[in-house]
Amino acid sequence: MTCADFRIECSAGIIKFLGYQLQAGGLKYTSLVEFEPFTDNLLLGGTLIVLSILIMELNIRKMIFFKKTF
């Protein structure tokens, strides 16, 4: 494993961790058991989940197609 590979793996791990934390934070304030009307918490949770997925996709595509090292 080269130094560049190690940096890519670390950055991918950090991105995955942050995405998971954003999803967990969004789910903390939303409930699947009870029906909620459209509230700010529901909007925040959904937005965080969608943004975390988009951020991970963009970073993965940047690493694959542009092959930049960190």
N, C-alpha and C. Protein backbone atom coordinates (compact mmCIF):
# COMPACT_ATOMS: atom_id res chain seq x y z
N MET A 1 0.85 -1.17 0.00
CA MET A 1 0.00 0.00 0.00
C MET A 1 0.90 1.23 0.00
N THR A 2 0.66 2.08 -0.96
CA THR A 2 1.45 3.30 -1.06
C THR A 2 0.85 4.38 -0.17
N CYS A 3 1.56 5.46 -0.05
CA CYS A 3 1.10 6.58 0.76
C CYS A 3 -0.17 7.19 0.14
N ALA A 4 -0.24 7.25 -1.17
CA ALA A 4 -1.42 7.80 -1.84
C ALA A 4 -2.65 6.91 -1.59
N ASP A 5 -2.44 5.59 -1.64
CA ASP A 5 -3.55 4.67 -1.35
C ASP A 5 -4.05 4.86 0.07
N PHE A 6 -3.12 5.03 0.99
CA PHE A 6 -3.49 5.22 2.39
C PHE A 6 -4.30 6.50 2.57
N ARG A 7 -3.89 7.56 1.91
CA ARG A 7 -4.62 8.83 2.01
C ARG A 7 -6.03 8.71 1.44
N ILE A 8 -6.16 8.02 0.32
CA ILE A 8 -7.48 7.83 -0.29
C ILE A 8 -8.37 7.02 0.62
N GLU A 9 -7.83 5.96 1.20
CA GLU A 9 -8.62 5.13 2.11
C GLU A 9 -9.04 5.91 3.36
N CYS A 10 -8.15 6.72 3.88
CA CYS A 10 -8.49 7.53 5.06
C CYS A 10 -9.57 8.56 4.74
N SER A 11 -9.43 9.21 3.60
CA SER A 11 -10.44 10.20 3.24
C SER A 11 -11.78 9.53 2.96
N ALA A 12 -11.78 8.36 2.34
CA ALA A 12 -13.04 7.64 2.10
C ALA A 12 -13.67 7.23 3.43
N GLY A 13 -12.85 6.79 4.37
CA GLY A 13 -13.37 6.42 5.69
C GLY A 13 -13.96 7.60 6.43
N ILE A 14 -13.31 8.74 6.34
CA ILE A 14 -13.82 9.94 7.00
C ILE A 14 -15.13 10.38 6.35
N ILE A 15 -15.20 10.33 5.04
CA ILE A 15 -16.42 10.71 4.33
C ILE A 15 -17.57 9.79 4.71
N LYS A 16 -17.29 8.49 4.76
CA LYS A 16 -18.34 7.53 5.16
C LYS A 16 -18.79 7.79 6.59
N PHE A 17 -17.84 8.06 7.47
CA PHE A 17 -18.18 8.32 8.86
C PHE A 17 -19.05 9.56 8.99
N LEU A 18 -18.67 10.63 8.30
CA LEU A 18 -19.46 11.86 8.36
C LEU A 18 -20.84 11.68 7.75
N GLY A 19 -20.93 10.91 6.67
CA GLY A 19 -22.23 10.63 6.08
C GLY A 19 -23.11 9.84 7.03
N TYR A 20 -22.52 8.87 7.70
CA TYR A 20 -23.29 8.09 8.68
C TYR A 20 -23.76 8.98 9.83
N GLN A 21 -22.90 9.85 10.29
CA GLN A 21 -23.27 10.73 11.40
C GLN A 21 -24.39 11.70 10.99
N LEU A 22 -24.33 12.20 9.76
CA LEU A 22 -25.40 13.06 9.26
C LEU A 22 -26.72 12.31 9.18
N GLN A 23 -26.67 11.07 8.71
CA GLN A 23 -27.88 10.27 8.64
C GLN A 23 -28.43 9.97 10.03
N ALA A 24 -27.54 9.61 10.94
CA ALA A 24 -27.98 9.31 12.31
C ALA A 24 -28.56 10.56 12.97
N GLY A 25 -27.96 11.70 12.73
CA GLY A 25 -28.50 12.95 13.28
C GLY A 25 -29.86 13.28 12.70
N GLY A 26 -30.03 13.03 11.41
CA GLY A 26 -31.33 13.27 10.80
C GLY A 26 -32.39 12.32 11.32
N LEU A 27 -32.02 11.06 11.50
CA LEU A 27 -32.98 10.08 12.00
C LEU A 27 -33.32 10.30 13.47
N LYS A 28 -32.44 10.94 14.18
CA LYS A 28 -32.68 11.19 15.61
C LYS A 28 -33.91 12.08 15.80
N TYR A 29 -34.12 12.99 14.89
CA TYR A 29 -35.20 13.95 15.02
C TYR A 29 -36.43 13.60 14.19
N THR A 30 -36.42 12.44 13.54
CA THR A 30 -37.60 11.99 12.81
C THR A 30 -38.04 10.66 13.39
N SER A 31 -39.31 10.36 13.27
CA SER A 31 -39.86 9.14 13.83
C SER A 31 -40.61 8.39 12.75
N LEU A 32 -40.33 7.09 12.62
CA LEU A 32 -41.04 6.27 11.65
C LEU A 32 -42.27 5.61 12.27
N VAL A 33 -42.33 5.60 13.59
CA VAL A 33 -43.42 4.92 14.28
C VAL A 33 -44.69 5.77 14.24
N GLU A 34 -44.57 7.02 14.51
CA GLU A 34 -45.71 7.92 14.55
C GLU A 34 -45.79 8.72 13.25
N PHE A 35 -46.99 9.01 12.84
CA PHE A 35 -47.16 9.87 11.67
C PHE A 35 -46.93 11.32 12.09
N GLU A 36 -46.02 11.96 11.40
CA GLU A 36 -45.74 13.37 11.68
C GLU A 36 -46.20 14.22 10.51
N PRO A 37 -46.80 15.32 10.77
CA PRO A 37 -47.04 16.25 9.67
C PRO A 37 -45.69 16.80 9.19
N PHE A 38 -45.70 17.42 8.06
CA PHE A 38 -44.47 17.97 7.49
C PHE A 38 -43.93 19.06 8.41
N THR A 39 -42.84 18.77 9.09
CA THR A 39 -42.26 19.70 10.04
C THR A 39 -40.84 20.03 9.65
N ASP A 40 -40.25 20.94 10.40
CA ASP A 40 -38.85 21.31 10.16
C ASP A 40 -37.92 20.14 10.44
N ASN A 41 -38.23 19.34 11.45
CA ASN A 41 -37.38 18.19 11.77
C ASN A 41 -37.37 17.18 10.64
N LEU A 42 -38.52 16.95 10.05
CA LEU A 42 -38.62 16.02 8.93
C LEU A 42 -37.85 16.55 7.73
N LEU A 43 -37.99 17.82 7.47
CA LEU A 43 -37.27 18.45 6.37
C LEU A 43 -35.76 18.38 6.61
N LEU A 44 -35.34 18.65 7.83
CA LEU A 44 -33.92 18.60 8.15
C LEU A 44 -33.37 17.20 7.99
N GLY A 45 -34.08 16.21 8.48
CA GLY A 45 -33.62 14.83 8.36
C GLY A 45 -33.49 14.38 6.92
N GLY A 46 -34.50 14.64 6.13
CA GLY A 46 -34.45 14.26 4.72
C GLY A 46 -33.36 14.99 3.96
N THR A 47 -33.19 16.26 4.25
CA THR A 47 -32.16 17.05 3.58
C THR A 47 -30.77 16.56 3.93
N LEU A 48 -30.54 16.25 5.19
CA LEU A 48 -29.22 15.75 5.59
C LEU A 48 -28.90 14.41 4.95
N ILE A 49 -29.88 13.55 4.84
CA ILE A 49 -29.64 12.25 4.21
C ILE A 49 -29.31 12.43 2.73
N VAL A 50 -30.08 13.24 2.03
CA VAL A 50 -29.83 13.45 0.60
C VAL A 50 -28.48 14.14 0.39
N LEU A 51 -28.16 15.14 1.17
CA LEU A 51 -26.88 15.83 1.02
C LEU A 51 -25.70 14.92 1.31
N SER A 52 -25.81 14.07 2.32
CA SER A 52 -24.69 13.18 2.64
C SER A 52 -24.46 12.20 1.49
N ILE A 53 -25.52 11.71 0.88
CA ILE A 53 -25.35 10.79 -0.26
C ILE A 53 -24.74 11.53 -1.44
N LEU A 54 -25.19 12.74 -1.73
CA LEU A 54 -24.62 13.50 -2.85
C LEU A 54 -23.16 13.85 -2.63
N ILE A 55 -22.81 14.22 -1.41
CA ILE A 55 -21.41 14.56 -1.12
C ILE A 55 -20.52 13.34 -1.29
N MET A 56 -20.98 12.19 -0.82
CA MET A 56 -20.19 10.98 -0.99
C MET A 56 -20.03 10.64 -2.47
N GLU A 57 -21.10 10.76 -3.26
CA GLU A 57 -21.03 10.48 -4.69
C GLU A 57 -20.04 11.40 -5.40
N LEU A 58 -20.11 12.68 -5.10
CA LEU A 58 -19.22 13.63 -5.77
C LEU A 58 -17.77 13.37 -5.41
N ASN A 59 -17.49 13.06 -4.16
CA ASN A 59 -16.11 12.79 -3.77
C ASN A 59 -15.59 11.50 -4.38
N ILE A 60 -16.43 10.49 -4.47
CA ILE A 60 -16.00 9.23 -5.07
C ILE A 60 -15.75 9.43 -6.56
N ARG A 61 -16.65 10.15 -7.24
CA ARG A 61 -16.45 10.39 -8.67
C ARG A 61 -15.19 11.22 -8.92
N LYS A 62 -14.93 12.19 -8.05
CA LYS A 62 -13.74 13.02 -8.21
C LYS A 62 -12.49 12.17 -8.07
N MET A 63 -12.48 11.26 -7.10
CA MET A 63 -11.32 10.40 -6.90
C MET A 63 -11.13 9.42 -8.05
N ILE A 64 -12.23 8.91 -8.59
CA ILE A 64 -12.12 7.90 -9.65
C ILE A 64 -11.76 8.53 -10.98
N PHE A 65 -12.48 9.58 -11.38
CA PHE A 65 -12.30 10.11 -12.74
C PHE A 65 -11.13 11.08 -12.86
N PHE A 66 -10.87 11.85 -11.85
CA PHE A 66 -9.78 12.81 -11.94
C PHE A 66 -8.49 12.30 -11.33
N LYS A 67 -8.57 11.24 -10.54
CA LYS A 67 -7.42 10.59 -9.92
C LYS A 67 -6.48 11.57 -9.26
N LYS A 68 -7.05 12.48 -8.49
CA LYS A 68 -6.23 13.42 -7.76
C LYS A 68 -5.77 12.77 -6.47
N THR A 69 -4.55 13.08 -6.09
CA THR A 69 -4.06 12.59 -4.80
C THR A 69 -4.20 13.71 -3.78
N PHE A 70 -4.34 13.31 -2.55
CA PHE A 70 -4.54 14.27 -1.49
C PHE A 70 -3.25 14.55 -0.76
